[in-house]
Amino acid sequence: MFRLIKGAVIAAAILAVALATAWAALALWYRLPFGTIPRGLLAGGFTLLGLAVIAGLLRRRALRALTTFTLALAAVILWWSTLAPPSERNWSPDVARQVTGQVDGDMLTLTDVRNFSWQTPEAYSERWETRSYDLTALDTVDLFMSYWAGPQMAHMIVSFGFDNGDHIAWSVEVRRQSGGGFSPIADLFKTNTLVILAADERDVIGTRTNARGEDVQLFRIGVSPETARALLLQYVDAANSLAVRPEWYNSLTTNCTTVVMTMIRAFADEVPLDWRVLANGYLPDYAWEQGVLDQTRTIGELRALGSISPIARAHGVTPDYSAVIRQGIPAFASN
């Protein structure tokens, strides 16, 4: 029995060292402010240290091996804790500004609403605007899922509609630097910060349906006016907070889905945890099970009805874009 317990402890220690080594080596590789060769040498050196420690555990040199490794890991963690998200960088133009909002009674005024005109993913006309909305006229909430990497992963956008036909779409995104790209692995290691965009649908949806050619699906959400208003104001509060205190983007914990789920939990009674929050391509299935999508149709039918990219490409990103993409998509209906 003692040997069994000892073996289990050693196995657990080896696993912990292996995971810590992988994390520290990648953190050093992605975040050290050096050239490729120095970063590679330091990350590789930590990897060799981890392998040596694992070998020491297998050769019954556990205490000495773990002590050495713990000191090295503590140094990396201490350095890691000093990395603060920047407020100023040479941001990519499409994420150069963080929207902010102010509420005066029932009027919401948003500053730096993005309204770009996209010809291609790289060619666009820049336009930032200040817009005002009457919160008493808030009428609809719609969910857009833009599939860019197969059925498992999508980008989530929530759009709020008003009874005069206006829509304001919110997108939680990576705040890339100019010339930078998106890497799910790199963005686990404090590479980019977070930005919350408020944009015209012709911009943030149109670039995905038309300029990028992504598969975008639209789902009408069934919520009360009070819940819709609470969610919209959560977006405003989160955006205002980011403008003052930047945060790191993280591909797993702080992304386009988890940030919104945190907002919802701030005012909703119960939002069950679910694996589809991470594999967010399946988030509409989760929403349907929770009763916030049309219950008179299956999720497969809702996906088919809400596939808006073909009609958007055929019609173009015109002034009536928001009305066109909603044609044939019924409003929420419960059983």
C-alpha atoms as a PDB file:
ATOM      1  CA  MET A   1       0.000   0.000   0.000  1.00  0.00           C
ATOM      2  CA  PHE A   2       2.841   2.384   0.870  1.00  0.00           C
ATOM      3  CA  ARG A   3       4.472   1.785  -2.526  1.00  0.00           C
ATOM      4  CA  LEU A   4       1.163   2.428  -4.254  1.00  0.00           C
ATOM      5  CA  ILE A   5       0.671   5.727  -2.433  1.00  0.00           C
ATOM      6  CA  LYS A   6       4.277   6.751  -3.060  1.00  0.00           C
ATOM      7  CA  GLY A   7       3.942   5.927  -6.744  1.00  0.00           C
ATOM      8  CA  ALA A   8       0.754   7.976  -6.998  1.00  0.00           C
ATOM      9  CA  VAL A   9       2.430  10.953  -5.297  1.00  0.00           C
ATOM     10  CA  ILE A  10       5.417  10.794  -7.637  1.00  0.00           C
ATOM     11  CA  ALA A  11       3.128  10.496 -10.668  1.00  0.00           C
ATOM     12  CA  ALA A  12       1.159  13.546  -9.519  1.00  0.00           C
ATOM     13  CA  ALA A  13       4.394  15.476  -8.953  1.00  0.00           C
ATOM     14  CA  ILE A  14       5.658  14.570 -12.433  1.00  0.00           C
ATOM     15  CA  LEU A  15       2.393  15.735 -13.998  1.00  0.00           C
ATOM     16  CA  ALA A  16       2.499  18.999 -12.048  1.00  0.00           C
ATOM     17  CA  VAL A  17       6.109  19.642 -13.055  1.00  0.00           C
ATOM     18  CA  ALA A  18       5.349  18.851 -16.705  1.00  0.00           C
ATOM     19  CA  LEU A  19       2.385  21.264 -16.802  1.00  0.00           C
ATOM     20  CA  ALA A  20       4.299  24.003 -14.960  1.00  0.00           C
ATOM     21  CA  THR A  21       7.263  23.557 -17.284  1.00  0.00           C
ATOM     22  CA  ALA A  22       5.074  23.866 -20.375  1.00  0.00           C
ATOM     23  CA  TRP A  23       3.382  27.002 -19.021  1.00  0.00           C
ATOM     24  CA  ALA A  24       6.634  28.694 -17.951  1.00  0.00           C
ATOM     25  CA  ALA A  25       8.460  27.866 -21.191  1.00  0.00           C
ATOM     26  CA  LEU A  26       5.617  29.258 -23.318  1.00  0.00           C
ATOM     27  CA  ALA A  27       5.316  32.341 -21.095  1.00  0.00           C
ATOM     28  CA  LEU A  28       9.025  33.032 -21.526  1.00  0.00           C
ATOM     29  CA  TRP A  29       8.841  32.430 -25.264  1.00  0.00           C
ATOM     30  CA  TYR A  30       5.853  34.689 -25.887  1.00  0.00           C
ATOM     31  CA  ARG A  31       6.439  37.498 -23.414  1.00  0.00           C
ATOM     32  CA  LEU A  32      10.157  38.080 -22.859  1.00  0.00           C
ATOM     33  CA  PRO A  33      11.102  41.384 -24.548  1.00  0.00           C
ATOM     34  CA  PHE A  34      14.076  39.885 -26.376  1.00  0.00           C
ATOM     35  CA  GLY A  35      14.864  38.615 -29.838  1.00  0.00           C
ATOM     36  CA  THR A  36      14.040  35.136 -31.082  1.00  0.00           C
ATOM     37  CA  ILE A  37      17.366  33.524 -30.125  1.00  0.00           C
ATOM     38  CA  PRO A  38      17.529  34.775 -26.492  1.00  0.00           C
ATOM     39  CA  ARG A  39      13.862  33.914 -25.946  1.00  0.00           C
ATOM     40  CA  GLY A  40      14.406  30.464 -27.423  1.00  0.00           C
ATOM     41  CA  LEU A  41      17.435  29.838 -25.250  1.00  0.00           C
ATOM     42  CA  LEU A  42      15.656  30.852 -22.040  1.00  0.00           C
ATOM     43  CA  ALA A  43      12.455  28.953 -22.862  1.00  0.00           C
ATOM     44  CA  GLY A  44      14.488  25.934 -23.913  1.00  0.00           C
ATOM     45  CA  GLY A  45      16.600  26.182 -20.773  1.00  0.00           C
ATOM     46  CA  PHE A  46      13.513  26.075 -18.573  1.00  0.00           C
ATOM     47  CA  THR A  47      12.241  23.093 -20.538  1.00  0.00           C
ATOM     48  CA  LEU A  48      15.524  21.246 -19.934  1.00  0.00           C
ATOM     49  CA  LEU A  49      15.294  22.108 -16.237  1.00  0.00           C
ATOM     50  CA  GLY A  50      11.804  20.637 -16.091  1.00  0.00           C
ATOM     51  CA  LEU A  51      12.959  17.437 -17.806  1.00  0.00           C
ATOM     52  CA  ALA A  52      15.898  17.181 -15.412  1.00  0.00           C
ATOM     53  CA  VAL A  53      13.549  17.574 -12.447  1.00  0.00           C
ATOM     54  CA  ILE A  54      11.263  14.834 -13.784  1.00  0.00           C
ATOM     55  CA  ALA A  55      14.301  12.597 -14.193  1.00  0.00           C
ATOM     56  CA  GLY A  56      15.302  13.404 -10.618  1.00  0.00           C
ATOM     57  CA  LEU A  57      11.861  12.417  -9.375  1.00  0.00           C
ATOM     58  CA  LEU A  58      12.157   9.082 -11.138  1.00  0.00           C
ATOM     59  CA  ARG A  59      15.610   8.544  -9.601  1.00  0.00           C
ATOM     60  CA  ARG A  60      14.476   9.273  -6.055  1.00  0.00           C
ATOM     61  CA  ARG A  61      16.031  12.700  -5.842  1.00  0.00           C
ATOM     62  CA  ALA A  62      12.648  14.227  -5.292  1.00  0.00           C
ATOM     63  CA  LEU A  63      13.348  16.813  -2.597  1.00  0.00           C
ATOM     64  CA  ARG A  64      16.417  18.306  -4.228  1.00  0.00           C
ATOM     65  CA  ALA A  65      14.826  18.298  -7.679  1.00  0.00           C
ATOM     66  CA  LEU A  66      11.590  19.908  -6.520  1.00  0.00           C
ATOM     67  CA  THR A  67      13.405  22.572  -4.502  1.00  0.00           C
ATOM     68  CA  THR A  68      15.422  23.672  -7.531  1.00  0.00           C
ATOM     69  CA  PHE A  69      12.381  23.687  -9.767  1.00  0.00           C
ATOM     70  CA  THR A  70      10.211  25.558  -7.264  1.00  0.00           C
ATOM     71  CA  LEU A  71      12.751  28.384  -6.996  1.00  0.00           C
ATOM     72  CA  ALA A  72      12.995  28.723 -10.773  1.00  0.00           C
ATOM     73  CA  LEU A  73       9.211  28.616 -11.176  1.00  0.00           C
ATOM     74  CA  ALA A  74       8.764  31.214  -8.428  1.00  0.00           C
ATOM     75  CA  ALA A  75      11.094  33.556 -10.317  1.00  0.00           C
ATOM     76  CA  VAL A  76       9.045  33.159 -13.498  1.00  0.00           C
ATOM     77  CA  ILE A  77       5.766  33.721 -11.633  1.00  0.00           C
ATOM     78  CA  LEU A  78       7.176  36.844  -9.956  1.00  0.00           C
ATOM     79  CA  TRP A  79       8.219  38.244 -13.341  1.00  0.00           C
ATOM     80  CA  TRP A  80       4.824  37.243 -14.822  1.00  0.00           C
ATOM     81  CA  SER A  81       2.952  39.156 -12.111  1.00  0.00           C
ATOM     82  CA  THR A  82       4.703  42.387 -13.122  1.00  0.00           C
ATOM     83  CA  LEU A  83       3.265  42.326 -16.656  1.00  0.00           C
ATOM     84  CA  ALA A  84       0.529  44.962 -16.764  1.00  0.00           C
ATOM     85  CA  PRO A  85      -1.838  45.457 -19.723  1.00  0.00           C
ATOM     86  CA  PRO A  86      -0.868  48.612 -21.639  1.00  0.00           C
ATOM     87  CA  SER A  87      -3.294  51.473 -22.181  1.00  0.00           C
ATOM     88  CA  GLU A  88      -1.371  52.946 -25.106  1.00  0.00           C
ATOM     89  CA  ARG A  89       0.115  51.070 -28.051  1.00  0.00           C
ATOM     90  CA  ASN A  90       0.192  51.369 -31.810  1.00  0.00           C
ATOM     91  CA  TRP A  91      -3.217  49.702 -32.076  1.00  0.00           C
ATOM     92  CA  SER A  92      -4.654  48.368 -35.300  1.00  0.00           C
ATOM     93  CA  PRO A  93      -7.015  51.085 -36.649  1.00  0.00           C
ATOM     94  CA  ASP A  94     -10.150  48.916 -36.293  1.00  0.00           C
ATOM     95  CA  VAL A  95      -9.577  48.546 -32.529  1.00  0.00           C
ATOM     96  CA  ALA A  96      -7.853  51.872 -31.919  1.00  0.00           C
ATOM     97  CA  ARG A  97     -10.683  53.288 -29.788  1.00  0.00           C
ATOM     98  CA  GLN A  98     -12.558  51.910 -26.799  1.00  0.00           C
ATOM     99  CA  VAL A  99     -16.226  52.890 -26.786  1.00  0.00           C
ATOM    100  CA  THR A 100     -17.560  54.632 -23.678  1.00  0.00           C
ATOM    101  CA  GLY A 101     -21.113  55.412 -22.654  1.00  0.00           C
ATOM    102  CA  GLN A 102     -23.082  57.776 -20.476  1.00  0.00           C
ATOM    103  CA  VAL A 103     -26.672  57.362 -19.276  1.00  0.00           C
ATOM    104  CA  ASP A 104     -28.819  60.409 -18.545  1.00  0.00           C
ATOM    105  CA  GLY A 105     -32.254  59.263 -17.449  1.00  0.00           C
ATOM    106  CA  ASP A 106     -33.457  57.050 -20.310  1.00  0.00           C
ATOM    107  CA  MET A 107     -30.961  58.380 -22.848  1.00  0.00           C
ATOM    108  CA  LEU A 108     -27.777  56.465 -23.603  1.00  0.00           C
ATOM    109  CA  THR A 109     -24.987  58.307 -25.414  1.00  0.00           C
ATOM    110  CA  LEU A 110     -22.102  56.271 -26.816  1.00  0.00           C
ATOM    111  CA  THR A 111     -18.820  57.856 -27.844  1.00  0.00           C
ATOM    112  CA  ASP A 112     -16.522  56.185 -30.406  1.00  0.00           C
ATOM    113  CA  VAL A 113     -19.077  53.921 -32.058  1.00  0.00           C
ATOM    114  CA  ARG A 114     -17.336  52.232 -34.981  1.00  0.00           C
ATOM    115  CA  ASN A 115     -18.926  52.619 -38.412  1.00  0.00           C
ATOM    116  CA  PHE A 116     -16.256  51.479 -40.869  1.00  0.00           C
ATOM    117  CA  SER A 117     -16.983  50.696 -44.496  1.00  0.00           C
ATOM    118  CA  TRP A 118     -15.168  47.501 -45.479  1.00  0.00           C
ATOM    119  CA  GLN A 119     -14.106  46.728 -49.033  1.00  0.00           C
ATOM    120  CA  THR A 120     -11.836  43.811 -48.050  1.00  0.00           C
ATOM    121  CA  PRO A 121     -10.555  42.600 -44.659  1.00  0.00           C
ATOM    122  CA  GLU A 122      -7.537  44.884 -45.175  1.00  0.00           C
ATOM    123  CA  ALA A 123      -9.126  47.820 -47.028  1.00  0.00           C
ATOM    124  CA  TYR A 124     -11.679  50.008 -45.262  1.00  0.00           C
ATOM    125  CA  SER A 125     -12.803  53.569 -44.669  1.00  0.00           C
ATOM    126  CA  GLU A 126     -12.545  54.664 -41.041  1.00  0.00           C
ATOM    127  CA  ARG A 127     -15.373  56.433 -39.254  1.00  0.00           C
ATOM    128  CA  TRP A 128     -15.975  56.806 -35.492  1.00  0.00           C
ATOM    129  CA  GLU A 129     -19.231  58.378 -34.308  1.00  0.00           C
ATOM    130  CA  THR A 130     -21.154  59.535 -31.256  1.00  0.00           C
ATOM    131  CA  ARG A 131     -24.694  58.126 -31.127  1.00  0.00           C
ATOM    132  CA  SER A 132     -27.615  58.427 -28.716  1.00  0.00           C
ATOM    133  CA  TYR A 133     -30.374  55.899 -27.970  1.00  0.00           C
ATOM    134  CA  ASP A 134     -33.668  56.096 -26.100  1.00  0.00           C
ATOM    135  CA  LEU A 135     -33.618  53.133 -23.709  1.00  0.00           C
ATOM    136  CA  THR A 136     -37.420  53.139 -23.471  1.00  0.00           C
ATOM    137  CA  ALA A 137     -37.443  52.279 -27.198  1.00  0.00           C
ATOM    138  CA  LEU A 138     -35.240  49.216 -26.763  1.00  0.00           C
ATOM    139  CA  ASP A 139     -37.118  46.472 -28.574  1.00  0.00           C
ATOM    140  CA  THR A 140     -35.013  43.402 -29.474  1.00  0.00           C
ATOM    141  CA  VAL A 141     -31.855  41.478 -28.641  1.00  0.00           C
ATOM    142  CA  ASP A 142     -30.224  39.348 -31.318  1.00  0.00           C
ATOM    143  CA  LEU A 143     -27.326  36.926 -31.202  1.00  0.00           C
ATOM    144  CA  PHE A 144     -24.908  36.655 -34.134  1.00  0.00           C
ATOM    145  CA  MET A 145     -22.492  33.735 -34.393  1.00  0.00           C
ATOM    146  CA  SER A 146     -19.753  34.123 -37.006  1.00  0.00           C
ATOM    147  CA  TYR A 147     -18.065  30.804 -37.796  1.00  0.00           C
ATOM    148  CA  TRP A 148     -14.439  31.225 -38.829  1.00  0.00           C
ATOM    149  CA  ALA A 149     -12.820  27.906 -37.801  1.00  0.00           C
ATOM    150  CA  GLY A 150     -15.329  25.101 -38.308  1.00  0.00           C
ATOM    151  CA  PRO A 151     -18.432  24.317 -36.237  1.00  0.00           C
ATOM    152  CA  GLN A 152     -16.668  24.330 -32.870  1.00  0.00           C
ATOM    153  CA  MET A 153     -15.479  27.941 -32.763  1.00  0.00           C
ATOM    154  CA  ALA A 154     -17.290  31.163 -33.580  1.00  0.00           C
ATOM    155  CA  HIS A 155     -17.187  34.847 -32.765  1.00  0.00           C
ATOM    156  CA  MET A 156     -20.199  36.036 -30.784  1.00  0.00           C
ATOM    157  CA  ILE A 157     -21.831  39.438 -31.291  1.00  0.00           C
ATOM    158  CA  VAL A 158     -24.913  40.723 -29.458  1.00  0.00           C
ATOM    159  CA  SER A 159     -27.025  43.407 -31.128  1.00  0.00           C
ATOM    160  CA  PHE A 160     -29.718  45.570 -29.538  1.00  0.00           C
ATOM    161  CA  GLY A 161     -32.582  46.841 -31.699  1.00  0.00           C
ATOM    162  CA  PHE A 162     -34.794  49.898 -31.136  1.00  0.00           C
ATOM    163  CA  ASP A 163     -38.328  50.493 -32.341  1.00  0.00           C
ATOM    164  CA  ASN A 164     -37.157  53.156 -34.826  1.00  0.00           C
ATOM    165  CA  GLY A 165     -35.098  50.541 -36.694  1.00  0.00           C
ATOM    166  CA  ASP A 166     -31.713  51.425 -35.199  1.00  0.00           C
ATOM    167  CA  HIS A 167     -29.371  48.672 -34.057  1.00  0.00           C
ATOM    168  CA  ILE A 168     -26.181  48.798 -32.012  1.00  0.00           C
ATOM    169  CA  ALA A 169     -23.968  45.699 -32.102  1.00  0.00           C
ATOM    170  CA  TRP A 170     -21.428  44.827 -29.388  1.00  0.00           C
ATOM    171  CA  SER A 171     -18.338  42.749 -29.990  1.00  0.00           C
ATOM    172  CA  VAL A 172     -15.687  41.666 -27.467  1.00  0.00           C
ATOM    173  CA  GLU A 173     -12.402  41.387 -29.363  1.00  0.00           C
ATOM    174  CA  VAL A 174      -8.631  41.143 -29.225  1.00  0.00           C
ATOM    175  CA  ARG A 175      -7.029  44.580 -29.251  1.00  0.00           C
ATOM    176  CA  ARG A 176      -4.276  43.822 -31.717  1.00  0.00           C
ATOM    177  CA  GLN A 177      -1.329  46.061 -32.400  1.00  0.00           C
ATOM    178  CA  SER A 178      -0.911  47.427 -35.914  1.00  0.00           C
ATOM    179  CA  GLY A 179       0.354  44.647 -38.142  1.00  0.00           C
ATOM    180  CA  GLY A 180      -0.360  42.026 -35.487  1.00  0.00           C
ATOM    181  CA  GLY A 181      -2.531  38.958 -35.840  1.00  0.00           C
ATOM    182  CA  PHE A 182      -4.667  36.639 -33.754  1.00  0.00           C
ATOM    183  CA  SER A 183      -3.127  33.541 -32.175  1.00  0.00           C
ATOM    184  CA  PRO A 184      -5.209  31.471 -29.715  1.00  0.00           C
ATOM    185  CA  ILE A 185      -2.006  30.114 -28.157  1.00  0.00           C
ATOM    186  CA  ALA A 186      -0.161  33.416 -27.899  1.00  0.00           C
ATOM    187  CA  ASP A 187      -3.246  35.075 -26.431  1.00  0.00           C
ATOM    188  CA  LEU A 188      -3.104  32.698 -23.475  1.00  0.00           C
ATOM    189  CA  PHE A 189       0.098  34.475 -22.449  1.00  0.00           C
ATOM    190  CA  LYS A 190      -0.656  38.187 -22.040  1.00  0.00           C
ATOM    191  CA  THR A 191       0.084  39.022 -25.656  1.00  0.00           C
ATOM    192  CA  ASN A 192      -2.889  41.284 -26.414  1.00  0.00           C
ATOM    193  CA  THR A 193      -5.427  43.263 -24.452  1.00  0.00           C
ATOM    194  CA  LEU A 194      -9.212  43.274 -24.542  1.00  0.00           C
ATOM    195  CA  VAL A 195     -11.450  45.753 -26.340  1.00  0.00           C
ATOM    196  CA  ILE A 196     -15.238  46.060 -26.362  1.00  0.00           C
ATOM    197  CA  LEU A 197     -16.595  47.526 -29.585  1.00  0.00           C
ATOM    198  CA  ALA A 198     -19.981  49.099 -30.174  1.00  0.00           C
ATOM    199  CA  ALA A 199     -20.574  49.282 -33.901  1.00  0.00           C
ATOM    200  CA  ASP A 200     -23.044  49.695 -36.698  1.00  0.00           C
ATOM    201  CA  GLU A 201     -24.244  46.288 -37.931  1.00  0.00           C
ATOM    202  CA  ARG A 202     -23.114  47.148 -41.467  1.00  0.00           C
ATOM    203  CA  ASP A 203     -19.613  47.374 -40.020  1.00  0.00           C
ATOM    204  CA  VAL A 204     -19.129  44.598 -37.480  1.00  0.00           C
ATOM    205  CA  ILE A 205     -21.568  42.109 -39.078  1.00  0.00           C
ATOM    206  CA  GLY A 206     -21.106  43.210 -42.680  1.00  0.00           C
ATOM    207  CA  THR A 207     -17.355  42.722 -42.608  1.00  0.00           C
ATOM    208  CA  ARG A 208     -17.909  39.107 -41.595  1.00  0.00           C
ATOM    209  CA  THR A 209     -20.700  38.241 -44.036  1.00  0.00           C
ATOM    210  CA  ASN A 210     -19.292  40.100 -47.027  1.00  0.00           C
ATOM    211  CA  ALA A 211     -15.643  41.185 -46.720  1.00  0.00           C
ATOM    212  CA  ARG A 212     -14.416  38.057 -44.909  1.00  0.00           C
ATOM    213  CA  GLY A 213     -16.959  35.597 -46.287  1.00  0.00           C
ATOM    214  CA  GLU A 214     -17.633  33.917 -42.935  1.00  0.00           C
ATOM    215  CA  ASP A 215     -20.699  31.813 -42.150  1.00  0.00           C
ATOM    216  CA  VAL A 216     -22.787  34.121 -39.956  1.00  0.00           C
ATOM    217  CA  GLN A 217     -25.939  32.891 -38.207  1.00  0.00           C
ATOM    218  CA  LEU A 218     -28.554  35.145 -36.586  1.00  0.00           C
ATOM    219  CA  PHE A 219     -30.730  34.082 -33.642  1.00  0.00           C
ATOM    220  CA  ARG A 220     -33.586  36.150 -32.182  1.00  0.00           C
ATOM    221  CA  ILE A 221     -33.435  36.109 -28.377  1.00  0.00           C
ATOM    222  CA  GLY A 222     -36.488  36.110 -26.135  1.00  0.00           C
ATOM    223  CA  VAL A 223     -35.883  38.400 -23.144  1.00  0.00           C
ATOM    224  CA  SER A 224     -37.951  40.954 -21.286  1.00  0.00           C
ATOM    225  CA  PRO A 225     -37.352  44.690 -21.878  1.00  0.00           C
ATOM    226  CA  GLU A 226     -35.928  44.888 -18.356  1.00  0.00           C
ATOM    227  CA  THR A 227     -33.429  42.108 -19.058  1.00  0.00           C
ATOM    228  CA  ALA A 228     -32.477  43.631 -22.421  1.00  0.00           C
ATOM    229  CA  ARG A 229     -31.818  46.978 -20.766  1.00  0.00           C
ATOM    230  CA  ALA A 230     -29.815  45.370 -17.962  1.00  0.00           C
ATOM    231  CA  LEU A 231     -27.603  43.523 -20.460  1.00  0.00           C
ATOM    232  CA  LEU A 232     -27.046  46.630 -22.588  1.00  0.00           C
ATOM    233  CA  LEU A 233     -26.029  48.634 -19.522  1.00  0.00           C
ATOM    234  CA  GLN A 234     -23.675  45.826 -18.483  1.00  0.00           C
ATOM    235  CA  TYR A 235     -21.924  46.267 -21.825  1.00  0.00           C
ATOM    236  CA  VAL A 236     -21.680  50.002 -21.198  1.00  0.00           C
ATOM    237  CA  ASP A 237     -20.285  49.509 -17.687  1.00  0.00           C
ATOM    238  CA  ALA A 238     -17.728  46.953 -18.907  1.00  0.00           C
ATOM    239  CA  ALA A 239     -16.643  49.257 -21.755  1.00  0.00           C
ATOM    240  CA  ASN A 240     -16.259  52.233 -19.407  1.00  0.00           C
ATOM    241  CA  SER A 241     -14.213  50.103 -17.031  1.00  0.00           C
ATOM    242  CA  LEU A 242     -11.898  48.957 -19.834  1.00  0.00           C
ATOM    243  CA  ALA A 243     -11.332  52.551 -20.893  1.00  0.00           C
ATOM    244  CA  VAL A 244      -9.935  53.249 -17.417  1.00  0.00           C
ATOM    245  CA  ARG A 245      -8.363  49.885 -16.537  1.00  0.00           C
ATOM    246  CA  PRO A 246      -7.166  47.755 -19.475  1.00  0.00           C
ATOM    247  CA  GLU A 247      -7.353  43.975 -19.195  1.00  0.00           C
ATOM    248  CA  TRP A 248      -5.517  41.152 -20.908  1.00  0.00           C
ATOM    249  CA  TYR A 249      -7.364  39.116 -23.497  1.00  0.00           C
ATOM    250  CA  ASN A 250      -7.212  35.376 -22.823  1.00  0.00           C
ATOM    251  CA  SER A 251      -8.342  32.794 -25.378  1.00  0.00           C
ATOM    252  CA  LEU A 252      -9.885  30.605 -22.659  1.00  0.00           C
ATOM    253  CA  THR A 253     -10.930  32.803 -19.759  1.00  0.00           C
ATOM    254  CA  THR A 254     -11.468  36.328 -21.109  1.00  0.00           C
ATOM    255  CA  ASN A 255     -12.886  36.169 -24.625  1.00  0.00           C
ATOM    256  CA  CYS A 256     -15.941  37.105 -26.686  1.00  0.00           C
ATOM    257  CA  THR A 257     -18.139  34.567 -24.873  1.00  0.00           C
ATOM    258  CA  THR A 258     -16.868  34.407 -21.292  1.00  0.00           C
ATOM    259  CA  VAL A 259     -16.948  38.195 -20.887  1.00  0.00           C
ATOM    260  CA  VAL A 260     -20.608  38.305 -21.944  1.00  0.00           C
ATOM    261  CA  MET A 261     -21.493  35.352 -19.695  1.00  0.00           C
ATOM    262  CA  THR A 262     -19.942  37.262 -16.787  1.00  0.00           C
ATOM    263  CA  MET A 263     -22.146  40.252 -17.643  1.00  0.00           C
ATOM    264  CA  ILE A 264     -25.255  38.069 -17.717  1.00  0.00           C
ATOM    265  CA  ARG A 265     -24.409  36.503 -14.355  1.00  0.00           C
ATOM    266  CA  ALA A 266     -24.243  39.993 -12.861  1.00  0.00           C
ATOM    267  CA  PHE A 267     -28.038  40.323 -13.056  1.00  0.00           C
ATOM    268  CA  ALA A 268     -29.468  36.892 -13.945  1.00  0.00           C
ATOM    269  CA  ASP A 269     -30.664  34.540 -11.221  1.00  0.00           C
ATOM    270  CA  GLU A 270     -28.910  31.459 -12.529  1.00  0.00           C
ATOM    271  CA  VAL A 271     -26.705  30.804 -15.561  1.00  0.00           C
ATOM    272  CA  PRO A 272     -25.490  27.174 -15.446  1.00  0.00           C
ATOM    273  CA  LEU A 273     -21.881  26.453 -16.354  1.00  0.00           C
ATOM    274  CA  ASP A 274     -21.540  24.532 -19.595  1.00  0.00           C
ATOM    275  CA  TRP A 275     -18.709  23.253 -21.803  1.00  0.00           C
ATOM    276  CA  ARG A 276     -20.291  25.024 -24.784  1.00  0.00           C
ATOM    277  CA  VAL A 277     -19.168  28.356 -23.355  1.00  0.00           C
ATOM    278  CA  LEU A 278     -15.631  27.289 -24.334  1.00  0.00           C
ATOM    279  CA  ALA A 279     -16.529  25.449 -27.558  1.00  0.00           C
ATOM    280  CA  ASN A 280     -18.756  28.396 -28.319  1.00  0.00           C
ATOM    281  CA  GLY A 281     -19.755  27.255 -31.790  1.00  0.00           C
ATOM    282  CA  TYR A 282     -22.352  25.191 -29.948  1.00  0.00           C
ATOM    283  CA  LEU A 283     -23.545  28.106 -27.814  1.00  0.00           C
ATOM    284  CA  PRO A 284     -26.860  28.423 -29.749  1.00  0.00           C
ATOM    285  CA  ASP A 285     -27.687  24.828 -28.739  1.00  0.00           C
ATOM    286  CA  TYR A 286     -27.080  25.792 -25.108  1.00  0.00           C
ATOM    287  CA  ALA A 287     -29.195  28.948 -25.471  1.00  0.00           C
ATOM    288  CA  TRP A 288     -32.022  26.912 -27.016  1.00  0.00           C
ATOM    289  CA  GLU A 289     -31.937  24.450 -24.104  1.00  0.00           C
ATOM    290  CA  GLN A 290     -32.139  27.392 -21.686  1.00  0.00           C
ATOM    291  CA  GLY A 291     -35.314  28.603 -23.438  1.00  0.00           C
ATOM    292  CA  VAL A 292     -34.000  31.930 -24.736  1.00  0.00           C
ATOM    293  CA  LEU A 293     -34.359  30.942 -28.427  1.00  0.00           C
ATOM    294  CA  ASP A 294     -37.540  30.135 -30.365  1.00  0.00           C
ATOM    295  CA  GLN A 295     -38.993  26.970 -28.805  1.00  0.00           C
ATOM    296  CA  THR A 296     -41.408  26.236 -31.653  1.00  0.00           C
ATOM    297  CA  ARG A 297     -38.510  25.195 -33.911  1.00  0.00           C
ATOM    298  CA  THR A 298     -35.521  22.895 -33.485  1.00  0.00           C
ATOM    299  CA  ILE A 299     -32.051  24.397 -33.192  1.00  0.00           C
ATOM    300  CA  GLY A 300     -31.272  22.924 -36.611  1.00  0.00           C
ATOM    301  CA  GLU A 301     -34.206  24.793 -38.114  1.00  0.00           C
ATOM    302  CA  LEU A 302     -33.153  28.010 -36.386  1.00  0.00           C
ATOM    303  CA  ARG A 303     -29.612  27.661 -37.745  1.00  0.00           C
ATOM    304  CA  ALA A 304     -30.941  27.171 -41.276  1.00  0.00           C
ATOM    305  CA  LEU A 305     -33.338  30.115 -41.015  1.00  0.00           C
ATOM    306  CA  GLY A 306     -30.668  32.319 -39.462  1.00  0.00           C
ATOM    307  CA  SER A 307     -27.917  31.685 -42.008  1.00  0.00           C
ATOM    308  CA  ILE A 308     -27.641  35.262 -43.255  1.00  0.00           C
ATOM    309  CA  SER A 309     -24.392  35.266 -45.251  1.00  0.00           C
ATOM    310  CA  PRO A 310     -25.926  34.258 -48.619  1.00  0.00           C
ATOM    311  CA  ILE A 311     -28.558  37.015 -48.585  1.00  0.00           C
ATOM    312  CA  ALA A 312     -26.036  39.557 -47.269  1.00  0.00           C
ATOM    313  CA  ARG A 313     -23.636  38.796 -50.120  1.00  0.00           C
ATOM    314  CA  ALA A 314     -26.388  38.868 -52.712  1.00  0.00           C
ATOM    315  CA  HIS A 315     -27.817  42.161 -51.455  1.00  0.00           C
ATOM    316  CA  GLY A 316     -24.635  43.941 -50.382  1.00  0.00           C
ATOM    317  CA  VAL A 317     -23.918  46.114 -47.355  1.00  0.00           C
ATOM    318  CA  THR A 318     -26.505  48.773 -48.118  1.00  0.00           C
ATOM    319  CA  PRO A 319     -28.293  51.234 -45.784  1.00  0.00           C
ATOM    320  CA  ASP A 320     -31.110  48.675 -45.290  1.00  0.00           C
ATOM    321  CA  TYR A 321     -28.645  45.887 -44.413  1.00  0.00           C
ATOM    322  CA  SER A 322     -30.094  45.273 -40.915  1.00  0.00           C
ATOM    323  CA  ALA A 323     -33.627  44.865 -42.254  1.00  0.00           C
ATOM    324  CA  VAL A 324     -32.532  42.648 -45.157  1.00  0.00           C
ATOM    325  CA  ILE A 325     -30.616  40.123 -43.058  1.00  0.00           C
ATOM    326  CA  ARG A 326     -33.655  39.694 -40.789  1.00  0.00           C
ATOM    327  CA  GLN A 327     -36.079  38.855 -43.573  1.00  0.00           C
ATOM    328  CA  GLY A 328     -37.675  35.468 -43.022  1.00  0.00           C
ATOM    329  CA  ILE A 329     -36.292  35.081 -39.500  1.00  0.00           C
ATOM    330  CA  PRO A 330     -39.250  34.976 -37.104  1.00  0.00           C
ATOM    331  CA  ALA A 331     -39.210  36.720 -33.778  1.00  0.00           C
ATOM    332  CA  PHE A 332     -38.936  34.676 -30.592  1.00  0.00           C
ATOM    333  CA  ALA A 333     -41.835  32.358 -29.887  1.00  0.00           C
ATOM    334  CA  SER A 334     -42.281  30.090 -26.844  1.00  0.00           C
ATOM    335  CA  ASN A 335     -44.125  26.768 -26.859  1.00  0.00           C
END
